[in-house]
């Protein structure tokens, strides 16, 4: 039996050791936040499969290490009313221009409304895999591997820091500082869990800063992230005394309700990517078609 044509790619679980009678019993224990009724409803629609893409029913006997495929669903998922662009697509590589607010990967409250899901549908390629990620609130360039056989070569570019990444940001002016400048600090998980903070210790993050344009009390900055820690650019800008405009996480959390204001996007853009293609040796340069207005 062939796999159902779902737009969201499946998640996988190898059933752990236990004394459950059925796969259903195991799933209910493994995911207590999902009700038994929900699992039964998904099974009835063929959204729980084994490794051969055969539907798993409520009476399927439990077998340790059985590979189960299941499809995440978010009831009432909010539509992100902005559209991505595809700047480049070949048999190995896809370059997308992501709008603000759109997640790169399915997680949390987002399953269908993600860049990966949209591109898999649009390009008809279920093998797409992001080579890196940018924050949901950040707009700009994201690279995807389109071919599992050559994926490792492109992943190595990021692991070995052989990609030149440049961001643009709009933030308050810093006339008392001398540019270009560098910030190297240690970033660790803070509170709440999704925020990062600078802490004492050996630096594990580095960003270079330049000023591109001055506009009274706001400046346009170019940022070079040497490392790629979560929220690195946002934390470093806030620590310099110039939090990025419309940032609801830094320096203080102002996003208690978690509701997006689409009229106030974070003024941060993954503007350009430059690298030597590991397959052809060709110099690749991509630039976002998006801009940050004042």
C-alpha atoms as a PDB file:
ATOM      1  CA  UNK A   1       0.000   0.000   0.000  1.00  0.00           C
ATOM      2  CA  UNK A   2       1.375   3.439  -0.882  1.00  0.00           C
ATOM      3  CA  UNK A   3       1.586   6.228   1.652  1.00  0.00           C
ATOM      4  CA  UNK A   4      -1.357   8.623   1.886  1.00  0.00           C
ATOM      5  CA  UNK A   5      -0.783  11.998   0.260  1.00  0.00           C
ATOM      6  CA  UNK A   6      -0.616  14.204   3.353  1.00  0.00           C
ATOM      7  CA  UNK A   7       0.898  17.664   3.124  1.00  0.00           C
ATOM      8  CA  UNK A   8       2.516  17.380   6.560  1.00  0.00           C
ATOM      9  CA  UNK A   9       5.374  14.919   6.713  1.00  0.00           C
ATOM     10  CA  UNK A  10       5.048  12.181   9.337  1.00  0.00           C
ATOM     11  CA  UNK A  11       6.784  12.015  12.670  1.00  0.00           C
ATOM     12  CA  UNK A  12       8.282   8.719  13.750  1.00  0.00           C
ATOM     13  CA  UNK A  13       8.375   6.701  16.946  1.00  0.00           C
ATOM     14  CA  UNK A  14      10.111   3.398  17.637  1.00  0.00           C
ATOM     15  CA  UNK A  15       7.949   1.862  20.335  1.00  0.00           C
ATOM     16  CA  UNK A  16       9.810   1.659  23.649  1.00  0.00           C
ATOM     17  CA  UNK A  17      10.037  -1.374  25.901  1.00  0.00           C
ATOM     18  CA  UNK A  18       6.865  -1.938  27.900  1.00  0.00           C
ATOM     19  CA  UNK A  19       3.962  -4.254  28.717  1.00  0.00           C
ATOM     20  CA  UNK A  20       1.215  -2.615  26.657  1.00  0.00           C
ATOM     21  CA  UNK A  21      -1.276  -4.850  24.857  1.00  0.00           C
ATOM     22  CA  UNK A  22      -1.729  -2.637  21.788  1.00  0.00           C
ATOM     23  CA  UNK A  23       0.083   0.077  19.845  1.00  0.00           C
ATOM     24  CA  UNK A  24      -2.780   2.372  20.835  1.00  0.00           C
ATOM     25  CA  UNK A  25      -2.095   1.773  24.531  1.00  0.00           C
ATOM     26  CA  UNK A  26       1.575   2.605  24.000  1.00  0.00           C
ATOM     27  CA  UNK A  27       0.826   5.800  22.080  1.00  0.00           C
ATOM     28  CA  UNK A  28      -1.563   6.986  24.789  1.00  0.00           C
ATOM     29  CA  UNK A  29       1.111   6.411  27.443  1.00  0.00           C
ATOM     30  CA  UNK A  30       3.874   7.996  25.352  1.00  0.00           C
ATOM     31  CA  UNK A  31       1.824  11.113  24.508  1.00  0.00           C
ATOM     32  CA  UNK A  32      -0.412  11.818  27.535  1.00  0.00           C
ATOM     33  CA  UNK A  33      -1.426  15.234  26.165  1.00  0.00           C
ATOM     34  CA  UNK A  34      -3.192  13.516  23.227  1.00  0.00           C
ATOM     35  CA  UNK A  35      -6.441  11.815  24.198  1.00  0.00           C
ATOM     36  CA  UNK A  36      -7.293   8.205  23.360  1.00  0.00           C
ATOM     37  CA  UNK A  37     -10.266   9.498  21.356  1.00  0.00           C
ATOM     38  CA  UNK A  38      -7.901  11.612  19.250  1.00  0.00           C
ATOM     39  CA  UNK A  39      -5.682   8.629  18.471  1.00  0.00           C
ATOM     40  CA  UNK A  40      -8.737   6.547  17.567  1.00  0.00           C
ATOM     41  CA  UNK A  41      -9.956   9.280  15.224  1.00  0.00           C
ATOM     42  CA  UNK A  42      -6.527   9.545  13.567  1.00  0.00           C
ATOM     43  CA  UNK A  43      -6.353   5.800  13.113  1.00  0.00           C
ATOM     44  CA  UNK A  44      -9.807   5.814  11.517  1.00  0.00           C
ATOM     45  CA  UNK A  45      -8.500   8.290   8.938  1.00  0.00           C
ATOM     46  CA  UNK A  46      -5.316   6.305   8.260  1.00  0.00           C
ATOM     47  CA  UNK A  47      -3.001   8.809   9.898  1.00  0.00           C
ATOM     48  CA  UNK A  48      -1.119   6.235  11.971  1.00  0.00           C
ATOM     49  CA  UNK A  49       1.033   3.878   9.856  1.00  0.00           C
ATOM     50  CA  UNK A  50       3.716   1.240  10.218  1.00  0.00           C
ATOM     51  CA  UNK A  51       7.077   1.262   8.421  1.00  0.00           C
ATOM     52  CA  UNK A  52       5.465  -0.252   5.313  1.00  0.00           C
ATOM     53  CA  UNK A  53       2.887   2.569   5.190  1.00  0.00           C
ATOM     54  CA  UNK A  54       0.106   0.196   6.243  1.00  0.00           C
ATOM     55  CA  UNK A  55      -2.543   1.703   8.546  1.00  0.00           C
ATOM     56  CA  UNK A  56      -2.352   0.747  12.209  1.00  0.00           C
ATOM     57  CA  UNK A  57      -5.714   0.107  13.842  1.00  0.00           C
ATOM     58  CA  UNK A  58      -6.799   0.233  17.499  1.00  0.00           C
ATOM     59  CA  UNK A  59      -6.312  -3.530  17.943  1.00  0.00           C
ATOM     60  CA  UNK A  60      -2.800  -3.678  16.486  1.00  0.00           C
ATOM     61  CA  UNK A  61      -0.670  -5.700  18.970  1.00  0.00           C
ATOM     62  CA  UNK A  62       2.162  -3.863  20.698  1.00  0.00           C
ATOM     63  CA  UNK A  63       5.650  -4.849  19.477  1.00  0.00           C
ATOM     64  CA  UNK A  64       8.772  -3.346  20.976  1.00  0.00           C
ATOM     65  CA  UNK A  65      10.796  -1.236  18.500  1.00  0.00           C
ATOM     66  CA  UNK A  66       7.967  -1.164  15.951  1.00  0.00           C
ATOM     67  CA  UNK A  67       8.434   1.946  13.792  1.00  0.00           C
ATOM     68  CA  UNK A  68       5.226   3.970  13.863  1.00  0.00           C
ATOM     69  CA  UNK A  69       4.509   6.931  11.602  1.00  0.00           C
ATOM     70  CA  UNK A  70       1.987   9.489  12.775  1.00  0.00           C
ATOM     71  CA  UNK A  71       0.882  12.858  11.438  1.00  0.00           C
ATOM     72  CA  UNK A  72       0.874  15.895  13.694  1.00  0.00           C
ATOM     73  CA  UNK A  73      -2.291  17.976  13.596  1.00  0.00           C
ATOM     74  CA  UNK A  74      -3.049  21.328  15.200  1.00  0.00           C
ATOM     75  CA  UNK A  75      -6.792  21.974  15.555  1.00  0.00           C
ATOM     76  CA  UNK A  76      -7.661  25.514  14.507  1.00  0.00           C
ATOM     77  CA  UNK A  77      -4.125  26.227  13.310  1.00  0.00           C
ATOM     78  CA  UNK A  78      -3.764  29.937  12.595  1.00  0.00           C
ATOM     79  CA  UNK A  79      -3.099  30.852   8.965  1.00  0.00           C
ATOM     80  CA  UNK A  80       0.053  32.901   8.343  1.00  0.00           C
ATOM     81  CA  UNK A  81      -1.091  35.413   5.693  1.00  0.00           C
ATOM     82  CA  UNK A  82       2.314  35.886   4.051  1.00  0.00           C
ATOM     83  CA  UNK A  83       3.797  33.967   1.136  1.00  0.00           C
ATOM     84  CA  UNK A  84       7.318  32.632   0.725  1.00  0.00           C
ATOM     85  CA  UNK A  85       9.320  32.918  -2.501  1.00  0.00           C
ATOM     86  CA  UNK A  86      11.547  30.302  -4.117  1.00  0.00           C
ATOM     87  CA  UNK A  87      14.724  31.987  -5.345  1.00  0.00           C
ATOM     88  CA  UNK A  88      16.481  28.852  -6.587  1.00  0.00           C
ATOM     89  CA  UNK A  89      15.626  25.182  -7.047  1.00  0.00           C
ATOM     90  CA  UNK A  90      17.649  22.362  -8.582  1.00  0.00           C
ATOM     91  CA  UNK A  91      17.991  18.638  -7.915  1.00  0.00           C
ATOM     92  CA  UNK A  92      20.194  19.237  -4.873  1.00  0.00           C
ATOM     93  CA  UNK A  93      19.400  22.642  -3.404  1.00  0.00           C
ATOM     94  CA  UNK A  94      16.412  24.919  -2.800  1.00  0.00           C
ATOM     95  CA  UNK A  95      16.716  28.508  -1.607  1.00  0.00           C
ATOM     96  CA  UNK A  96      13.594  30.090  -0.133  1.00  0.00           C
ATOM     97  CA  UNK A  97      12.808  33.626   1.003  1.00  0.00           C
ATOM     98  CA  UNK A  98      10.762  33.241   4.190  1.00  0.00           C
ATOM     99  CA  UNK A  99       8.296  35.906   5.341  1.00  0.00           C
ATOM    100  CA  UNK A 100       8.078  37.069   8.935  1.00  0.00           C
ATOM    101  CA  UNK A 101       6.018  34.930  11.362  1.00  0.00           C
ATOM    102  CA  UNK A 102       6.256  31.690   9.327  1.00  0.00           C
ATOM    103  CA  UNK A 103       8.079  28.830  11.131  1.00  0.00           C
ATOM    104  CA  UNK A 104      10.666  26.867   9.195  1.00  0.00           C
ATOM    105  CA  UNK A 105       9.696  23.485  10.688  1.00  0.00           C
ATOM    106  CA  UNK A 106       6.528  21.988  12.174  1.00  0.00           C
ATOM    107  CA  UNK A 107       6.525  22.383  15.967  1.00  0.00           C
ATOM    108  CA  UNK A 108       4.209  23.444  18.735  1.00  0.00           C
ATOM    109  CA  UNK A 109       1.183  25.266  17.342  1.00  0.00           C
ATOM    110  CA  UNK A 110       2.303  24.904  13.715  1.00  0.00           C
ATOM    111  CA  UNK A 111       2.037  21.936  11.367  1.00  0.00           C
ATOM    112  CA  UNK A 112       0.614  23.033   8.002  1.00  0.00           C
ATOM    113  CA  UNK A 113       1.644  26.681   8.330  1.00  0.00           C
ATOM    114  CA  UNK A 114       5.390  26.153   8.018  1.00  0.00           C
ATOM    115  CA  UNK A 115       7.937  26.860   5.327  1.00  0.00           C
ATOM    116  CA  UNK A 116       8.901  23.175   5.026  1.00  0.00           C
ATOM    117  CA  UNK A 117       5.306  21.979   4.586  1.00  0.00           C
ATOM    118  CA  UNK A 118       4.509  24.676   2.055  1.00  0.00           C
ATOM    119  CA  UNK A 119       7.620  23.928  -0.011  1.00  0.00           C
ATOM    120  CA  UNK A 120       7.048  20.156   0.040  1.00  0.00           C
ATOM    121  CA  UNK A 121       3.586  20.801  -1.393  1.00  0.00           C
ATOM    122  CA  UNK A 122       4.687  23.465  -3.844  1.00  0.00           C
ATOM    123  CA  UNK A 123       7.694  21.579  -5.238  1.00  0.00           C
ATOM    124  CA  UNK A 124       6.294  18.079  -4.873  1.00  0.00           C
ATOM    125  CA  UNK A 125       9.422  16.913  -3.059  1.00  0.00           C
ATOM    126  CA  UNK A 126       8.881  15.118   0.272  1.00  0.00           C
ATOM    127  CA  UNK A 127      12.670  14.847   0.739  1.00  0.00           C
ATOM    128  CA  UNK A 128      13.197  18.551   1.393  1.00  0.00           C
ATOM    129  CA  UNK A 129      15.115  19.169   4.609  1.00  0.00           C
ATOM    130  CA  UNK A 130      16.247  22.548   5.965  1.00  0.00           C
ATOM    131  CA  UNK A 131      20.021  22.866   6.201  1.00  0.00           C
ATOM    132  CA  UNK A 132      19.686  25.549   8.882  1.00  0.00           C
ATOM    133  CA  UNK A 133      16.931  27.491  10.572  1.00  0.00           C
ATOM    134  CA  UNK A 134      16.022  31.065  11.331  1.00  0.00           C
ATOM    135  CA  UNK A 135      13.571  32.242  13.982  1.00  0.00           C
ATOM    136  CA  UNK A 136       9.879  32.271  13.156  1.00  0.00           C
ATOM    137  CA  UNK A 137       9.890  36.032  13.724  1.00  0.00           C
ATOM    138  CA  UNK A 138      12.855  36.574  11.371  1.00  0.00           C
ATOM    139  CA  UNK A 139      12.410  36.907   7.601  1.00  0.00           C
ATOM    140  CA  UNK A 140      14.817  35.970   4.845  1.00  0.00           C
ATOM    141  CA  UNK A 141      16.872  33.215   3.284  1.00  0.00           C
ATOM    142  CA  UNK A 142      16.691  29.534   4.202  1.00  0.00           C
ATOM    143  CA  UNK A 143      18.558  26.744   2.363  1.00  0.00           C
ATOM    144  CA  UNK A 144      17.014  23.308   1.881  1.00  0.00           C
ATOM    145  CA  UNK A 145      18.564  20.056   0.763  1.00  0.00           C
ATOM    146  CA  UNK A 146      16.483  18.494  -2.000  1.00  0.00           C
ATOM    147  CA  UNK A 147      18.400  15.224  -2.311  1.00  0.00           C
ATOM    148  CA  UNK A 148      19.269  12.904   0.608  1.00  0.00           C
ATOM    149  CA  UNK A 149      22.283  11.542  -1.297  1.00  0.00           C
ATOM    150  CA  UNK A 150      24.048  14.937  -1.396  1.00  0.00           C
ATOM    151  CA  UNK A 151      22.669  16.386   1.842  1.00  0.00           C
ATOM    152  CA  UNK A 152      25.801  15.730   3.870  1.00  0.00           C
ATOM    153  CA  UNK A 153      27.975  17.867   1.602  1.00  0.00           C
ATOM    154  CA  UNK A 154      25.757  20.912   2.166  1.00  0.00           C
ATOM    155  CA  UNK A 155      25.356  20.257   5.890  1.00  0.00           C
ATOM    156  CA  UNK A 156      29.144  20.310   6.183  1.00  0.00           C
ATOM    157  CA  UNK A 157      29.185  23.911   4.955  1.00  0.00           C
ATOM    158  CA  UNK A 158      27.332  24.998   8.076  1.00  0.00           C
ATOM    159  CA  UNK A 159      29.158  22.659  10.436  1.00  0.00           C
ATOM    160  CA  UNK A 160      32.530  23.912   9.184  1.00  0.00           C
ATOM    161  CA  UNK A 161      31.390  27.576   8.990  1.00  0.00           C
ATOM    162  CA  UNK A 162      32.053  27.852   5.274  1.00  0.00           C
ATOM    163  CA  UNK A 163      28.958  29.958   4.567  1.00  0.00           C
ATOM    164  CA  UNK A 164      29.019  33.750   4.741  1.00  0.00           C
ATOM    165  CA  UNK A 165      25.701  34.805   6.330  1.00  0.00           C
ATOM    166  CA  UNK A 166      24.672  38.454   6.542  1.00  0.00           C
ATOM    167  CA  UNK A 167      21.630  39.916   8.248  1.00  0.00           C
ATOM    168  CA  UNK A 168      20.052  43.348   8.265  1.00  0.00           C
ATOM    169  CA  UNK A 169      18.403  44.831  11.347  1.00  0.00           C
ATOM    170  CA  UNK A 170      16.769  48.112  12.272  1.00  0.00           C
ATOM    171  CA  UNK A 171      17.371  49.197  15.831  1.00  0.00           C
ATOM    172  CA  UNK A 172      18.044  52.320  17.925  1.00  0.00           C
ATOM    173  CA  UNK A 173      21.134  54.369  17.139  1.00  0.00           C
ATOM    174  CA  UNK A 174      24.369  53.701  19.036  1.00  0.00           C
ATOM    175  CA  UNK A 175      26.369  56.897  18.441  1.00  0.00           C
ATOM    176  CA  UNK A 176      28.609  56.278  21.470  1.00  0.00           C
ATOM    177  CA  UNK A 177      30.044  53.064  19.996  1.00  0.00           C
ATOM    178  CA  UNK A 178      32.753  52.697  17.368  1.00  0.00           C
ATOM    179  CA  UNK A 179      31.833  50.548  14.350  1.00  0.00           C
ATOM    180  CA  UNK A 180      32.588  48.004  13.057  1.00  0.00           C
ATOM    181  CA  UNK A 181      32.577  46.122  16.350  1.00  0.00           C
ATOM    182  CA  UNK A 182      32.490  42.559  17.642  1.00  0.00           C
ATOM    183  CA  UNK A 183      30.598  40.928  20.497  1.00  0.00           C
ATOM    184  CA  UNK A 184      31.691  37.576  21.956  1.00  0.00           C
ATOM    185  CA  UNK A 185      29.750  36.218  24.931  1.00  0.00           C
ATOM    186  CA  UNK A 186      28.430  32.999  26.414  1.00  0.00           C
ATOM    187  CA  UNK A 187      24.758  32.282  25.682  1.00  0.00           C
ATOM    188  CA  UNK A 188      22.699  29.777  27.665  1.00  0.00           C
ATOM    189  CA  UNK A 189      19.009  28.941  28.046  1.00  0.00           C
ATOM    190  CA  UNK A 190      17.216  31.420  30.279  1.00  0.00           C
ATOM    191  CA  UNK A 191      13.721  31.878  31.673  1.00  0.00           C
ATOM    192  CA  UNK A 192      11.246  31.187  30.223  1.00  0.00           C
ATOM    193  CA  UNK A 193      12.837  28.240  28.429  1.00  0.00           C
ATOM    194  CA  UNK A 194      12.559  29.796  24.948  1.00  0.00           C
ATOM    195  CA  UNK A 195      14.694  32.832  25.822  1.00  0.00           C
ATOM    196  CA  UNK A 196      18.485  32.985  25.802  1.00  0.00           C
ATOM    197  CA  UNK A 197      20.691  35.057  28.081  1.00  0.00           C
ATOM    198  CA  UNK A 198      24.309  36.110  28.364  1.00  0.00           C
ATOM    199  CA  UNK A 199      26.094  34.453  31.279  1.00  0.00           C
ATOM    200  CA  UNK A 200      29.669  34.455  32.608  1.00  0.00           C
ATOM    201  CA  UNK A 201      31.998  31.902  31.090  1.00  0.00           C
ATOM    202  CA  UNK A 202      33.910  30.969  27.964  1.00  0.00           C
ATOM    203  CA  UNK A 203      32.289  32.678  24.940  1.00  0.00           C
ATOM    204  CA  UNK A 204      30.294  30.409  22.643  1.00  0.00           C
ATOM    205  CA  UNK A 205      28.746  33.111  20.441  1.00  0.00           C
ATOM    206  CA  UNK A 206      30.233  35.783  18.202  1.00  0.00           C
ATOM    207  CA  UNK A 207      28.671  38.518  16.064  1.00  0.00           C
ATOM    208  CA  UNK A 208      30.229  41.291  13.990  1.00  0.00           C
ATOM    209  CA  UNK A 209      28.334  44.582  13.510  1.00  0.00           C
ATOM    210  CA  UNK A 210      28.434  47.335  10.894  1.00  0.00           C
ATOM    211  CA  UNK A 211      26.251  50.397  10.302  1.00  0.00           C
ATOM    212  CA  UNK A 212      24.657  50.543   6.864  1.00  0.00           C
ATOM    213  CA  UNK A 213      22.417  53.592   7.192  1.00  0.00           C
ATOM    214  CA  UNK A 214      21.608  56.251   9.768  1.00  0.00           C
ATOM    215  CA  UNK A 215      18.077  57.622  10.023  1.00  0.00           C
ATOM    216  CA  UNK A 216      17.811  59.930  13.036  1.00  0.00           C
ATOM    217  CA  UNK A 217      17.121  57.744  16.095  1.00  0.00           C
ATOM    218  CA  UNK A 218      17.073  54.478  14.139  1.00  0.00           C
ATOM    219  CA  UNK A 219      19.966  52.862  12.292  1.00  0.00           C
ATOM    220  CA  UNK A 220      20.116  50.029   9.790  1.00  0.00           C
ATOM    221  CA  UNK A 221      22.781  47.535  10.831  1.00  0.00           C
ATOM    222  CA  UNK A 222      24.505  44.692   9.014  1.00  0.00           C
ATOM    223  CA  UNK A 223      25.145  41.691  11.252  1.00  0.00           C
ATOM    224  CA  UNK A 224      27.599  38.849  10.638  1.00  0.00           C
ATOM    225  CA  UNK A 225      26.864  35.861  12.877  1.00  0.00           C
ATOM    226  CA  UNK A 226      30.132  33.937  13.178  1.00  0.00           C
ATOM    227  CA  UNK A 227      28.337  31.354  15.318  1.00  0.00           C
ATOM    228  CA  UNK A 228      24.696  30.304  15.142  1.00  0.00           C
ATOM    229  CA  UNK A 229      23.255  30.205  18.655  1.00  0.00           C
ATOM    230  CA  UNK A 230      19.493  30.517  19.131  1.00  0.00           C
ATOM    231  CA  UNK A 231      18.388  34.177  19.219  1.00  0.00           C
ATOM    232  CA  UNK A 232      22.048  35.208  19.086  1.00  0.00           C
ATOM    233  CA  UNK A 233      21.560  38.381  17.057  1.00  0.00           C
ATOM    234  CA  UNK A 234      18.570  39.500  19.114  1.00  0.00           C
ATOM    235  CA  UNK A 235      20.389  38.972  22.409  1.00  0.00           C
ATOM    236  CA  UNK A 236      23.577  40.671  21.229  1.00  0.00           C
ATOM    237  CA  UNK A 237      21.750  43.719  19.869  1.00  0.00           C
ATOM    238  CA  UNK A 238      19.777  44.096  23.108  1.00  0.00           C
ATOM    239  CA  UNK A 239      22.973  43.741  25.153  1.00  0.00           C
ATOM    240  CA  UNK A 240      24.569  46.572  23.155  1.00  0.00           C
ATOM    241  CA  UNK A 241      21.644  48.782  24.177  1.00  0.00           C
ATOM    242  CA  UNK A 242      19.846  48.657  20.819  1.00  0.00           C
ATOM    243  CA  UNK A 243      17.159  45.951  20.871  1.00  0.00           C
ATOM    244  CA  UNK A 244      15.881  45.177  17.384  1.00  0.00           C
ATOM    245  CA  UNK A 245      12.672  47.066  16.622  1.00  0.00           C
ATOM    246  CA  UNK A 246       9.484  45.150  17.502  1.00  0.00           C
ATOM    247  CA  UNK A 247      11.377  42.461  19.417  1.00  0.00           C
ATOM    248  CA  UNK A 248       8.923  41.106  21.991  1.00  0.00           C
ATOM    249  CA  UNK A 249      11.501  38.775  23.617  1.00  0.00           C
ATOM    250  CA  UNK A 250      14.508  41.028  24.318  1.00  0.00           C
ATOM    251  CA  UNK A 251      15.558  42.751  26.452  1.00  0.00           C
ATOM    252  CA  UNK A 252      12.237  42.070  28.232  1.00  0.00           C
ATOM    253  CA  UNK A 253       9.526  39.559  27.452  1.00  0.00           C
ATOM    254  CA  UNK A 254       6.494  41.412  26.105  1.00  0.00           C
ATOM    255  CA  UNK A 255       4.749  38.481  24.467  1.00  0.00           C
ATOM    256  CA  UNK A 256       2.842  36.984  27.367  1.00  0.00           C
ATOM    257  CA  UNK A 257      -0.248  36.142  25.284  1.00  0.00           C
ATOM    258  CA  UNK A 258       1.757  34.699  22.403  1.00  0.00           C
ATOM    259  CA  UNK A 259      -0.463  36.376  19.797  1.00  0.00           C
ATOM    260  CA  UNK A 260       1.292  37.750  16.716  1.00  0.00           C
ATOM    261  CA  UNK A 261       0.745  41.348  15.693  1.00  0.00           C
ATOM    262  CA  UNK A 262       1.225  41.021  11.939  1.00  0.00           C
ATOM    263  CA  UNK A 263       1.506  44.804  11.623  1.00  0.00           C
ATOM    264  CA  UNK A 264       4.689  44.838  13.765  1.00  0.00           C
ATOM    265  CA  UNK A 265       7.214  42.337  12.359  1.00  0.00           C
ATOM    266  CA  UNK A 266      10.606  41.949  13.962  1.00  0.00           C
ATOM    267  CA  UNK A 267      12.995  44.176  12.023  1.00  0.00           C
ATOM    268  CA  UNK A 268      15.473  41.392  11.331  1.00  0.00           C
ATOM    269  CA  UNK A 269      16.204  39.931   7.886  1.00  0.00           C
ATOM    270  CA  UNK A 270      18.486  37.088   6.788  1.00  0.00           C
ATOM    271  CA  UNK A 271      19.656  39.138   3.833  1.00  0.00           C
ATOM    272  CA  UNK A 272      22.351  37.185   1.981  1.00  0.00           C
ATOM    273  CA  UNK A 273      24.194  33.867   1.774  1.00  0.00           C
ATOM    274  CA  UNK A 274      27.471  33.231  -0.038  1.00  0.00           C
ATOM    275  CA  UNK A 275      29.406  29.965  -0.363  1.00  0.00           C
ATOM    276  CA  UNK A 276      31.282  27.657  -2.718  1.00  0.00           C
ATOM    277  CA  UNK A 277      29.019  24.835  -3.854  1.00  0.00           C
ATOM    278  CA  UNK A 278      30.509  21.588  -2.499  1.00  0.00           C
ATOM    279  CA  UNK A 279      29.407  19.625  -5.582  1.00  0.00           C
ATOM    280  CA  UNK A 280      30.343  21.937  -8.448  1.00  0.00           C
ATOM    281  CA  UNK A 281      32.795  24.338  -6.827  1.00  0.00           C
ATOM    282  CA  UNK A 282      30.684  27.202  -8.192  1.00  0.00           C
ATOM    283  CA  UNK A 283      30.477  30.354  -6.084  1.00  0.00           C
ATOM    284  CA  UNK A 284      26.856  30.724  -4.979  1.00  0.00           C
ATOM    285  CA  UNK A 285      25.412  34.081  -3.909  1.00  0.00           C
ATOM    286  CA  UNK A 286      21.806  34.607  -2.887  1.00  0.00           C
ATOM    287  CA  UNK A 287      20.105  37.779  -1.690  1.00  0.00           C
ATOM    288  CA  UNK A 288      16.669  38.212  -0.173  1.00  0.00           C
ATOM    289  CA  UNK A 289      14.057  40.096  -2.157  1.00  0.00           C
ATOM    290  CA  UNK A 290      12.595  41.441   1.083  1.00  0.00           C
ATOM    291  CA  UNK A 291      13.503  44.726   2.718  1.00  0.00           C
ATOM    292  CA  UNK A 292      13.061  46.225   6.165  1.00  0.00           C
ATOM    293  CA  UNK A 293      11.190  49.524   6.167  1.00  0.00           C
ATOM    294  CA  UNK A 294      11.730  52.135   8.827  1.00  0.00           C
END
